[in-house]
Each structure stands twice: as C-alpha cells, then as structure tokens.
Amino acid sequence: MKWTDTLEIAISLSEAHADVDPTRINFVDLMRWVIALPGFSDDEKHCGERILEAIQQAWIDEIS
C-alpha cells in the first residue's frame, strides 16, 4: 500500500480501529496508524496534509 491508496488505507483503518471516530483523530496519530498498517510500504516523507485529509474522508465515508 502507498499513500495514494486512500480507499484501501481507509478500509484497513476502519477494521484495525473499529472503535475510533475518524472525525476526531489528529493527523499525527493518523499518519502513525497508516505507517503501522500491515502491507503499507511507502515513505513517510511522501505524506502531506492533503493526503491525510483524503484518507480521513475516505474513512468517514467507509463507516457511514
């Protein structure tokens, strides 16, 4: 998985953190959780606020 795989990341996050409200997570924690996902293999330097926003929105959409 890479940073641009926002939907795949969102699905993995919703499974790994089912008890978390994605509207309440800060970007520092979100970035750490993405990096910790099994199968994630991208450089954290390639991550930015826009990517994290896209992941967060995809996660919100996934659980809605």
Protein backbone atom coordinates (compact mmCIF):
# COMPACT_ATOMS: atom_id res chain seq x y z
CA MET A 1 0.00 0.00 0.00
CA LYS A 2 1.12 3.53 -0.80
CA TRP A 3 -0.12 6.92 0.43
CA THR A 4 -2.23 7.28 -2.70
CA ASP A 5 -4.22 4.11 -1.93
CA THR A 6 -6.63 6.14 0.20
CA LEU A 7 -9.63 3.81 -0.04
CA GLU A 8 -7.59 0.70 0.76
CA ILE A 9 -5.98 2.52 3.68
CA ALA A 10 -9.38 3.71 4.94
CA ILE A 11 -10.79 0.19 4.85
CA SER A 12 -7.77 -1.16 6.73
CA LEU A 13 -8.02 1.61 9.32
CA SER A 14 -11.74 1.04 9.85
CA GLU A 15 -11.02 -2.64 10.50
CA ALA A 16 -7.98 -2.04 12.72
CA HIS A 17 -9.56 0.80 14.71
CA ALA A 18 -13.27 0.00 14.65
CA ASP A 19 -13.85 1.83 17.94
CA VAL A 20 -12.37 5.13 16.71
CA ASP A 21 -14.37 8.06 15.33
CA PRO A 22 -12.30 9.20 12.32
CA THR A 23 -13.62 12.77 12.67
CA ARG A 24 -11.80 13.04 15.99
CA ILE A 25 -8.36 11.73 15.06
CA ASN A 26 -5.46 14.15 14.66
CA PHE A 27 -3.19 13.89 11.65
CA VAL A 28 -0.12 12.90 13.68
CA ASP A 29 -1.89 9.82 15.01
CA LEU A 30 -3.47 9.10 11.63
CA MET A 31 -0.08 9.14 9.95
CA ARG A 32 1.38 6.79 12.58
CA TRP A 33 -1.54 4.39 12.23
CA VAL A 34 -1.22 4.31 8.44
CA ILE A 35 2.51 3.62 8.62
CA ALA A 36 1.82 0.77 11.09
CA LEU A 37 -0.69 -0.96 8.80
CA PRO A 38 0.36 -4.38 7.51
CA GLY A 39 1.26 -4.08 3.86
CA PHE A 40 2.00 -0.36 3.98
CA SER A 41 5.34 0.32 2.34
CA ASP A 42 5.66 3.98 1.42
CA ASP A 43 8.00 6.66 2.72
CA GLU A 44 6.50 8.92 5.38
CA LYS A 45 8.16 11.86 3.62
CA HIS A 46 5.66 11.41 0.78
CA CYS A 47 2.78 12.16 3.13
CA GLY A 48 1.20 15.57 3.42
CA GLU A 49 -1.88 17.21 4.85
CA ARG A 50 -3.90 16.74 1.65
CA ILE A 51 -3.22 13.00 1.62
CA LEU A 52 -4.17 12.68 5.28
CA GLU A 53 -7.36 14.64 4.65
CA ALA A 54 -8.22 12.30 1.76
CA ILE A 55 -7.57 9.23 3.93
CA GLN A 56 -9.65 10.67 6.76
CA GLN A 57 -12.55 11.48 4.42
CA ALA A 58 -12.41 8.03 2.84
CA TRP A 59 -12.50 6.50 6.34
CA ILE A 60 -15.51 8.65 7.27
CA ASP A 61 -17.25 7.60 4.04
CA GLU A 62 -16.39 3.95 4.69
CA ILE A 63 -18.12 3.84 8.05
CA SER A 64 -21.13 5.95 7.02
